Amino acid sequence: MGLQFRLWVGDGSFAHVDRLAKQIDTQQAENERMLKRNQDIAVEVDALKNGLDSVEEKARHEMGMIKKGETFYMLVEKPRQR
């Protein structure tokens, strides 16, 4: 009877092992997501270290910078009247 009880309740029981397996699956999925994110960041860091083109692109896109001698044009749509 005591062995039967341990199979169903407490540490090492079927339910406990099942919960641990689900936690492992969740953690592995999170690890894979973070690994992909880290790889993407590493590629971006490498591009920023080795090329001015990526620095220029980032400055233009994120900071709205333009080069000397360029003319900036902003197109603004008229609000629609209802």
C-alpha atoms as a PDB file:
ATOM      1  CA  MET A   1       0.000   0.000   0.000  1.00  0.00           C
ATOM      2  CA  GLY A   2       2.839   2.419   0.858  1.00  0.00           C
ATOM      3  CA  LEU A   3       4.521   1.902  -2.510  1.00  0.00           C
ATOM      4  CA  GLN A   4       1.238   2.468  -4.306  1.00  0.00           C
ATOM      5  CA  PHE A   5       0.796   5.741  -2.414  1.00  0.00           C
ATOM      6  CA  ARG A   6       4.281   6.988  -3.478  1.00  0.00           C
ATOM      7  CA  LEU A   7       3.479   6.250  -7.125  1.00  0.00           C
ATOM      8  CA  TRP A   8       0.535   8.644  -7.080  1.00  0.00           C
ATOM      9  CA  VAL A   9       1.418  11.314  -4.494  1.00  0.00           C
ATOM     10  CA  GLY A  10       4.535  13.310  -3.573  1.00  0.00           C
ATOM     11  CA  ASP A  11       8.045  13.562  -4.968  1.00  0.00           C
ATOM     12  CA  GLY A  12       8.727  11.041  -7.696  1.00  0.00           C
ATOM     13  CA  SER A  13       5.035  10.344  -8.301  1.00  0.00           C
ATOM     14  CA  PHE A  14       3.630  10.170 -11.808  1.00  0.00           C
ATOM     15  CA  ALA A  15       2.034  13.603 -11.381  1.00  0.00           C
ATOM     16  CA  HIS A  16       5.291  15.121 -10.115  1.00  0.00           C
ATOM     17  CA  VAL A  17       7.300  13.653 -13.000  1.00  0.00           C
ATOM     18  CA  ASP A  18       4.677  14.910 -15.471  1.00  0.00           C
ATOM     19  CA  ARG A  19       4.858  18.453 -14.028  1.00  0.00           C
ATOM     20  CA  LEU A  20       8.646  18.392 -14.225  1.00  0.00           C
ATOM     21  CA  ALA A  21       8.534  17.212 -17.839  1.00  0.00           C
ATOM     22  CA  LYS A  22       6.198  20.089 -18.735  1.00  0.00           C
ATOM     23  CA  GLN A  23       8.509  22.563 -16.976  1.00  0.00           C
ATOM     24  CA  ILE A  24      11.461  21.178 -18.930  1.00  0.00           C
ATOM     25  CA  ASP A  25       9.577  21.559 -22.220  1.00  0.00           C
ATOM     26  CA  THR A  26       8.645  25.148 -21.357  1.00  0.00           C
ATOM     27  CA  GLN A  27      12.221  25.996 -20.372  1.00  0.00           C
ATOM     28  CA  GLN A  28      13.651  24.403 -23.525  1.00  0.00           C
ATOM     29  CA  ALA A  29      11.289  26.472 -25.686  1.00  0.00           C
ATOM     30  CA  GLU A  30      12.329  29.628 -23.825  1.00  0.00           C
ATOM     31  CA  ASN A  31      16.005  28.698 -24.205  1.00  0.00           C
ATOM     32  CA  GLU A  32      15.567  28.247 -27.968  1.00  0.00           C
ATOM     33  CA  ARG A  33      13.815  31.615 -28.229  1.00  0.00           C
ATOM     34  CA  MET A  34      16.574  33.335 -26.281  1.00  0.00           C
ATOM     35  CA  LEU A  35      19.287  31.592 -28.327  1.00  0.00           C
ATOM     36  CA  LYS A  36      17.714  32.906 -31.544  1.00  0.00           C
ATOM     37  CA  ARG A  37      17.500  36.392 -30.032  1.00  0.00           C
ATOM     38  CA  ASN A  38      21.152  36.242 -28.949  1.00  0.00           C
ATOM     39  CA  GLN A  39      22.217  35.114 -32.415  1.00  0.00           C
ATOM     40  CA  ASP A  40      20.321  38.020 -33.998  1.00  0.00           C
ATOM     41  CA  ILE A  41      21.967  40.472 -31.603  1.00  0.00           C
ATOM     42  CA  ALA A  42      25.412  38.981 -32.285  1.00  0.00           C
ATOM     43  CA  VAL A  43      24.914  39.475 -36.034  1.00  0.00           C
ATOM     44  CA  GLU A  44      23.863  43.090 -35.465  1.00  0.00           C
ATOM     45  CA  VAL A  45      26.850  43.750 -33.168  1.00  0.00           C
ATOM     46  CA  ASP A  46      29.221  42.258 -35.731  1.00  0.00           C
ATOM     47  CA  ALA A  47      27.717  44.425 -38.472  1.00  0.00           C
ATOM     48  CA  LEU A  48      28.060  47.529 -36.311  1.00  0.00           C
ATOM     49  CA  LYS A  49      31.684  46.709 -35.472  1.00  0.00           C
ATOM     50  CA  ASN A  50      32.760  45.957 -39.030  1.00  0.00           C
ATOM     51  CA  GLY A  51      30.837  48.265 -41.295  1.00  0.00           C
ATOM     52  CA  LEU A  52      29.901  51.902 -41.443  1.00  0.00           C
ATOM     53  CA  ASP A  53      26.943  51.085 -43.673  1.00  0.00           C
ATOM     54  CA  SER A  54      25.026  49.474 -40.820  1.00  0.00           C
ATOM     55  CA  VAL A  55      25.896  52.368 -38.472  1.00  0.00           C
ATOM     56  CA  GLU A  56      24.649  54.842 -41.077  1.00  0.00           C
ATOM     57  CA  GLU A  57      21.469  52.837 -41.662  1.00  0.00           C
ATOM     58  CA  LYS A  58      20.767  52.687 -37.918  1.00  0.00           C
ATOM     59  CA  ALA A  59      21.404  56.436 -37.515  1.00  0.00           C
ATOM     60  CA  ARG A  60      19.099  57.280 -40.417  1.00  0.00           C
ATOM     61  CA  HIS A  61      16.315  54.922 -39.411  1.00  0.00           C
ATOM     62  CA  GLU A  62      16.300  55.299 -35.634  1.00  0.00           C
ATOM     63  CA  MET A  63      17.571  58.853 -35.200  1.00  0.00           C
ATOM     64  CA  GLY A  64      16.359  60.539 -38.375  1.00  0.00           C
ATOM     65  CA  MET A  65      19.850  61.708 -39.306  1.00  0.00           C
ATOM     66  CA  ILE A  66      20.768  62.933 -42.788  1.00  0.00           C
ATOM     67  CA  LYS A  67      24.107  63.540 -44.488  1.00  0.00           C
ATOM     68  CA  LYS A  68      25.572  66.944 -45.129  1.00  0.00           C
ATOM     69  CA  GLY A  69      24.268  68.261 -48.438  1.00  0.00           C
ATOM     70  CA  GLU A  70      21.127  66.107 -48.420  1.00  0.00           C
ATOM     71  CA  THR A  71      17.664  67.596 -48.370  1.00  0.00           C
ATOM     72  CA  PHE A  72      15.073  66.091 -46.076  1.00  0.00           C
ATOM     73  CA  TYR A  73      11.481  65.930 -47.271  1.00  0.00           C
ATOM     74  CA  MET A  74       8.604  64.921 -45.029  1.00  0.00           C
ATOM     75  CA  LEU A  75       5.356  63.917 -46.689  1.00  0.00           C
ATOM     76  CA  VAL A  76       2.321  64.553 -44.537  1.00  0.00           C
ATOM     77  CA  GLU A  77      -1.097  63.292 -45.471  1.00  0.00           C
ATOM     78  CA  LYS A  78      -4.080  65.560 -45.035  1.00  0.00           C
ATOM     79  CA  PRO A  79      -6.471  64.301 -42.398  1.00  0.00           C
ATOM     80  CA  ARG A  80      -9.568  62.751 -43.911  1.00  0.00           C
ATOM     81  CA  GLN A  81     -12.742  64.682 -43.385  1.00  0.00           C
ATOM     82  CA  ARG A  82     -15.705  62.707 -42.191  1.00  0.00           C
END
